[in-house]
Protein backbone atom coordinates (compact mmCIF):
# COMPACT_ATOMS: atom_id res chain seq x y z
CA MET A 1 152.36 83.39 126.96
CA SER A 2 151.42 85.72 129.68
CA GLU A 3 147.53 86.29 130.34
CA ASP A 4 148.22 89.91 129.92
CA PHE A 5 149.21 89.56 126.59
CA ILE A 6 146.38 87.38 125.58
CA ILE A 7 143.76 90.06 126.95
CA SER A 8 145.75 92.72 124.92
CA GLU A 9 145.67 90.87 122.06
CA GLU A 10 141.80 90.16 122.23
CA GLY A 11 141.23 93.82 122.80
CA LYS A 12 143.02 94.60 119.86
CA LYS A 13 141.02 92.12 117.81
CA LEU A 14 137.86 93.45 119.20
CA GLU A 15 138.59 96.96 118.43
CA GLU A 16 139.70 95.99 114.75
CA PHE A 17 136.32 94.26 114.36
CA GLU A 18 134.21 97.16 115.85
CA GLN A 19 136.00 99.31 113.28
CA ARG A 20 135.21 97.08 110.50
CA ILE A 21 131.46 96.86 111.56
CA LYS A 22 131.65 100.87 111.34
CA SER A 23 133.08 100.80 108.06
CA GLY A 24 130.13 98.51 106.73
CA ASP A 25 132.66 95.57 106.13
CA ILE A 26 131.05 92.24 105.76
CA ILE A 27 132.05 89.62 108.21
CA GLU A 28 132.80 86.06 106.61
CA PRO A 29 133.05 82.93 108.51
CA LYS A 30 136.98 82.77 108.60
CA ASP A 31 136.98 85.84 109.96
CA TRP A 32 137.91 86.95 113.50
CA MET A 33 134.88 87.62 115.43
CA PRO A 34 133.91 88.01 119.33
CA GLU A 35 132.26 85.00 120.69
CA ARG A 36 129.39 87.13 121.71
CA TYR A 37 128.64 87.96 117.85
CA ARG A 38 128.96 84.42 116.96
CA LYS A 39 126.48 83.48 119.66
CA GLN A 40 123.89 86.10 119.02
CA LEU A 41 124.09 85.02 115.10
CA ILE A 42 123.42 81.62 115.97
CA ARG A 43 120.68 82.32 118.22
CA MET A 44 118.88 84.72 116.00
CA MET A 45 119.35 82.37 112.74
CA SER A 46 118.17 79.34 114.52
CA GLN A 47 115.24 81.06 115.71
CA HIS A 48 114.52 82.31 112.27
CA ALA A 49 115.24 78.96 110.71
CA HIS A 50 112.81 76.98 113.22
CA SER A 51 110.22 79.74 112.29
CA GLU A 52 110.15 78.68 108.62
CA TYR A 53 109.98 75.04 109.63
CA VAL A 54 107.05 75.59 112.24
CA GLY A 55 105.84 78.00 109.54
CA MET A 56 105.01 75.34 107.03
CA LEU A 57 102.32 73.65 109.41
CA PRO A 58 99.40 76.16 109.47
CA GLU A 59 99.27 76.51 105.71
CA GLY A 60 100.35 72.67 105.03
CA ASN A 61 96.96 71.95 106.63
CA TRP A 62 95.38 73.77 103.80
CA ILE A 63 96.69 72.14 100.89
CA THR A 64 94.29 69.36 100.36
CA ARG A 65 91.54 71.95 101.12
CA ALA A 66 92.39 74.73 98.56
CA PRO A 67 89.46 75.68 96.51
CA SER A 68 91.04 74.93 92.79
CA LEU A 69 93.86 73.03 91.48
CA ARG A 70 95.52 76.11 90.90
CA ARG A 71 95.38 77.52 94.51
CA LYS A 72 96.68 73.81 95.67
CA MET A 73 99.66 74.37 93.45
CA ILE A 74 100.62 77.70 94.61
CA LEU A 75 100.29 76.90 98.41
CA LEU A 76 102.27 73.68 97.82
CA ALA A 77 104.96 75.58 96.19
CA LYS A 78 104.97 78.42 99.05
CA VAL A 79 105.24 75.45 101.69
CA GLN A 80 108.09 73.93 99.86
CA ASP A 81 109.68 77.59 99.70
CA GLU A 82 109.62 77.73 103.39
CA ALA A 83 111.25 74.37 103.97
CA GLY A 84 114.17 75.71 101.65
CA HIS A 85 114.28 78.78 103.71
CA GLY A 86 114.76 76.96 106.94
CA LEU A 87 117.72 74.88 105.17
CA TYR A 88 119.65 78.09 103.82
CA ILE A 89 119.53 79.52 107.29
CA TYR A 90 120.43 76.52 109.19
CA SER A 91 123.51 76.18 106.52
CA ALA A 92 124.34 79.85 107.20
CA ALA A 93 124.36 78.97 111.07
CA GLU A 94 126.62 76.17 110.19
CA THR A 95 129.31 78.44 109.08
CA LEU A 96 129.61 79.88 112.77
CA GLY A 97 130.31 76.12 113.77
CA ALA A 98 126.62 75.31 114.94
CA GLU A 99 125.57 72.00 114.21
CA ARG A 100 122.27 71.65 112.52
CA GLY A 101 121.02 68.54 114.29
CA GLU A 102 121.61 70.24 117.56
CA LEU A 103 119.76 73.29 116.39
CA TYR A 104 116.86 71.17 115.45
CA GLN A 105 116.78 69.29 119.00
CA GLN A 106 116.49 72.48 120.56
CA LEU A 107 113.50 73.29 118.90
CA LEU A 108 111.86 69.92 119.62
CA ASN A 109 112.86 69.92 123.16
CA GLY A 110 111.44 73.39 123.69
CA THR A 111 114.71 75.23 124.69
CA ALA A 112 114.77 77.20 121.50
CA LYS A 113 112.20 79.94 120.26
CA TYR A 114 110.19 80.53 117.04
CA SER A 115 107.87 83.26 115.91
CA SER A 116 104.93 83.43 117.86
CA ILE A 117 102.76 84.09 114.93
CA PHE A 118 102.45 80.43 114.13
CA ASN A 119 101.32 79.43 117.24
CA TYR A 120 97.49 80.60 116.19
CA PRO A 121 95.16 78.49 114.39
CA THR A 122 94.07 78.75 110.52
CA LEU A 123 90.32 78.52 110.70
CA SER A 124 89.27 79.32 107.08
CA TRP A 125 90.74 79.54 103.47
CA ALA A 126 90.88 83.33 104.03
CA ASP A 127 93.59 82.78 106.53
CA MET A 128 95.84 81.77 103.69
CA GLY A 129 95.41 85.01 102.07
CA VAL A 130 95.91 87.07 105.08
CA ILE A 131 98.99 85.18 106.18
CA GLY A 132 100.30 85.83 102.99
CA TRP A 133 99.67 89.64 102.91
CA PHE A 134 100.32 90.11 106.63
CA VAL A 135 102.75 87.47 107.79
CA ASP A 136 104.89 87.33 104.82
CA GLY A 137 104.59 91.21 104.33
CA ALA A 138 106.04 91.28 107.85
CA ALA A 139 108.76 88.94 106.99
CA ILE A 140 109.72 91.00 103.67
CA VAL A 141 110.00 94.21 106.01
CA ASN A 142 112.19 92.38 108.34
CA GLN A 143 114.18 90.50 105.85
CA THR A 144 115.08 92.98 103.44
CA MET A 145 117.05 94.64 106.54
CA LEU A 146 118.37 91.51 107.31
CA ALA A 147 119.97 91.13 103.64
CA LYS A 148 122.10 94.21 104.19
CA CYS A 149 123.34 92.62 107.63
CA SER A 150 126.97 92.52 108.61
CA TYR A 151 127.30 88.76 108.31
CA GLY A 152 127.89 87.72 104.79
CA PRO A 153 126.29 84.18 104.74
CA TYR A 154 123.11 85.37 106.51
CA ALA A 155 122.68 88.50 104.13
CA ARG A 156 123.23 86.36 101.04
CA ALA A 157 120.44 83.78 102.33
CA MET A 158 118.26 86.61 102.83
CA VAL A 159 118.72 87.87 99.01
CA ARG A 160 116.86 84.65 97.56
CA ILE A 161 114.40 84.23 100.30
CA CYS A 162 113.15 87.91 99.99
CA LYS A 163 112.60 87.35 96.29
CA GLU A 164 110.45 84.17 97.35
CA GLU A 165 108.68 85.92 100.07
CA ASN A 166 107.41 88.63 97.73
CA PHE A 167 105.78 86.10 95.64
CA HIS A 168 104.28 84.70 99.06
CA LYS A 169 102.94 88.00 99.35
CA LYS A 170 101.40 88.66 96.18
CA GLN A 171 99.76 85.27 96.16
CA GLY A 172 98.15 86.19 99.31
CA TYR A 173 97.14 89.65 98.57
CA GLU A 174 95.45 88.04 95.39
CA ILE A 175 93.38 85.71 97.72
CA VAL A 176 92.43 88.87 99.99
CA GLY A 177 91.58 90.85 96.72
CA THR A 178 89.32 87.98 95.34
CA LEU A 179 87.20 87.54 98.47
CA ALA A 180 87.05 91.15 99.10
CA ASN A 181 85.37 91.45 95.87
CA GLY A 182 83.37 88.27 96.09
CA THR A 183 79.94 87.35 97.90
CA LEU A 184 78.78 88.92 101.21
CA ARG A 185 79.79 85.72 102.82
CA GLN A 186 83.35 85.59 101.25
CA LYS A 187 83.65 89.34 102.30
CA GLU A 188 82.80 88.54 105.86
CA MET A 189 85.16 85.66 106.00
CA ILE A 190 88.24 87.59 104.82
CA GLN A 191 87.31 90.45 107.18
CA ASP A 192 87.15 87.90 109.93
CA ALA A 193 90.79 86.59 109.02
CA VAL A 194 91.95 90.31 109.06
CA ASN A 195 90.67 90.74 112.56
CA ARG A 196 92.04 87.67 113.85
CA TRP A 197 95.58 88.04 112.34
CA TRP A 198 96.20 91.89 112.54
CA TRP A 199 97.51 92.26 116.06
CA GLN A 200 99.47 89.24 116.03
CA SER A 201 101.36 90.35 112.81
CA LEU A 202 102.40 93.41 114.59
CA MET A 203 103.73 91.33 117.50
CA MET A 204 106.02 89.60 115.02
CA PHE A 205 108.51 92.30 115.05
CA GLY A 206 109.20 91.60 118.53
CA PRO A 207 108.79 93.33 121.70
CA PRO A 208 108.94 97.13 122.14
CA ASP A 209 112.55 98.51 121.89
CA LYS A 210 112.55 99.33 125.69
CA ASP A 211 111.88 95.32 126.49
CA SER A 212 114.21 93.88 123.77
CA PRO A 213 117.15 92.73 125.49
CA ASN A 214 119.27 91.71 122.50
CA SER A 215 118.20 94.78 119.79
CA ALA A 216 120.71 97.19 121.05
CA GLU A 217 123.74 94.98 120.72
CA LEU A 218 122.67 93.45 117.40
CA MET A 219 122.14 96.88 115.99
CA ARG A 220 125.72 97.91 117.22
CA TRP A 221 127.28 95.17 115.27
CA LYS A 222 124.58 95.81 112.29
CA VAL A 223 122.97 92.45 112.47
CA LYS A 224 120.01 94.45 112.84
CA LEU A 225 119.87 97.66 110.89
CA LYS A 226 116.33 98.85 112.24
CA SER A 227 114.75 98.53 115.70
CA ASN A 228 111.66 96.40 116.34
CA ASP A 229 109.50 99.45 116.59
CA GLU A 230 110.81 100.96 113.57
CA LEU A 231 110.18 98.03 111.64
CA ARG A 232 106.81 97.77 112.88
CA GLN A 233 106.01 101.17 111.93
CA ARG A 234 107.28 100.63 108.58
CA PHE A 235 104.93 97.56 108.07
CA VAL A 236 101.98 99.56 109.35
CA ASP A 237 102.56 102.40 106.94
CA LEU A 238 102.75 100.14 104.00
CA THR A 239 99.75 97.81 104.88
CA VAL A 240 96.93 100.46 105.61
CA PRO A 241 96.90 101.76 102.39
CA GLN A 242 96.63 98.27 101.05
CA ALA A 243 93.66 97.37 103.32
CA GLU A 244 92.03 100.52 101.90
CA ALA A 245 92.62 99.40 98.29
CA VAL A 246 90.54 96.34 98.80
CA ASN A 247 87.79 97.91 101.21
CA LEU A 248 88.93 96.06 104.29
CA THR A 249 88.96 97.55 107.77
CA LEU A 250 91.78 96.95 109.99
CA PRO A 251 90.74 96.21 113.66
CA ASP A 252 92.13 99.40 115.43
CA PRO A 253 89.85 102.34 116.33
CA ASP A 254 93.17 104.24 117.14
CA LEU A 255 94.53 103.69 113.75
CA LYS A 256 95.08 107.47 112.23
CA PHE A 257 97.31 109.31 109.99
CA ASP A 258 99.70 111.96 111.69
CA GLU A 259 100.38 114.80 109.23
CA LYS A 260 103.37 115.86 111.26
CA THR A 261 105.32 112.48 111.19
CA GLY A 262 103.99 111.12 108.11
CA HIS A 263 103.19 107.87 109.91
CA TRP A 264 100.12 106.04 110.75
CA ASP A 265 99.26 106.10 114.54
CA TYR A 266 98.11 102.74 115.89
CA GLY A 267 96.60 101.35 119.03
CA LYS A 268 98.24 99.54 122.18
CA ILE A 269 99.40 96.05 121.41
CA ASN A 270 98.66 93.42 124.20
CA TRP A 271 102.02 92.30 125.10
CA ASP A 272 100.69 90.32 127.90
CA GLU A 273 99.34 87.99 125.14
CA PHE A 274 102.53 87.96 123.23
CA TRP A 275 104.68 87.14 126.24
CA ASN A 276 102.20 84.17 127.07
CA VAL A 277 102.29 82.74 123.79
CA VAL A 278 106.10 83.12 123.79
CA LYS A 279 106.30 81.15 126.95
CA GLY A 280 104.41 78.19 125.26
CA ASN A 281 100.82 78.91 126.33
CA GLY A 282 99.38 79.79 122.94
CA PRO A 283 96.52 78.27 121.28
CA MET A 284 98.69 75.78 119.23
CA ASN A 285 102.02 75.51 120.96
CA LYS A 286 101.85 72.00 121.97
CA GLU A 287 100.48 71.07 118.76
CA ARG A 288 103.08 72.74 116.67
CA ILE A 289 105.78 71.19 118.51
CA ARG A 290 103.98 67.74 118.64
CA ALA A 291 103.66 67.97 114.87
CA ARG A 292 107.33 68.64 114.11
CA ARG A 293 108.36 65.93 116.66
CA GLU A 294 106.27 63.13 114.93
CA ALA A 295 107.49 64.37 111.66
CA HIS A 296 111.27 63.86 112.79
CA GLU A 297 110.85 60.47 114.29
CA ASN A 298 108.79 59.34 111.11
CA GLY A 299 111.64 60.73 108.92
CA THR A 300 114.47 58.70 110.99
CA TRP A 301 114.58 55.68 108.58
CA VAL A 302 115.33 58.24 105.86
CA ARG A 303 118.05 59.89 107.74
CA GLU A 304 119.58 56.29 108.31
CA ALA A 305 119.21 55.33 104.61
CA ALA A 306 120.84 58.68 103.27
CA ILE A 307 123.86 58.05 105.91
CA ALA A 308 124.17 54.55 105.05
CA TYR A 309 124.16 55.35 101.25
CA SER A 310 126.93 58.02 101.81
CA ALA A 311 128.79 55.65 103.66
CA LYS A 312 128.76 53.18 101.12
CA HIS A 313 129.72 55.57 98.26
CA LYS A 314 132.77 56.76 100.28
CA ARG A 315 133.97 53.19 100.78
CA GLY A 316 134.06 53.07 96.89
């Protein structure tokens, strides 16, 4: 078979693939896809799954210190959900030929990224409310779009995840409302948490479109349906009225409503801080990875026992 024929066949397949994307078709694991599409999906999904796993740490730290049994139960359920979200997304990545153990090893050795938001400390119980409100609220804005993406297993995983993230946001906003209507000390505590998490939450959507190396390609293939800046604006527009409803102030003096556009204008984000955290220099980067490595090492015996048990049953 000549090289020219192979190139011609590849070009034809790519053209058909691009047409399927334009038509809104859903791509399934056994369908032909460009290698670049597959690699971009694996990179994106692994980063998403890693974020769910690392994201358990800031909140898991507060389970034993929650102010009531009810709060403990809710927070414990939320952290368990996040572990499940990671499993769903790792499983979706495996449909593309990725090996879960290899993906997780990339997280442990620092060659894979996860959301920068989880590299900040949780200093008070109020942080649990604001993380639910801001961080999970931002996740919902992003993931409702992913639930309509072009790759079937990823889109279907997002449907269940979005339902659970809505619960997470509601429990967070309930904490926020309770503290905002509490004592003076409680009001100060929740306002402090809002001040510390607002800008980091805006960074969650990724760098500005002009500095995002993958967005254009992902949008062309309908893996992403909205750009980073569009999603960030959507989050701001939704969150400002929610802050006003509980009499909290977002820490942005430039925040103002534009009658012409119908959107809230916001101030300049410190992208130098964002990139510094992405490079591993955030307040909690080293501690987060160390915690995940220790958990992986401590769980070795469990994995070995599960493998032995499976092998025993296969032998009959």
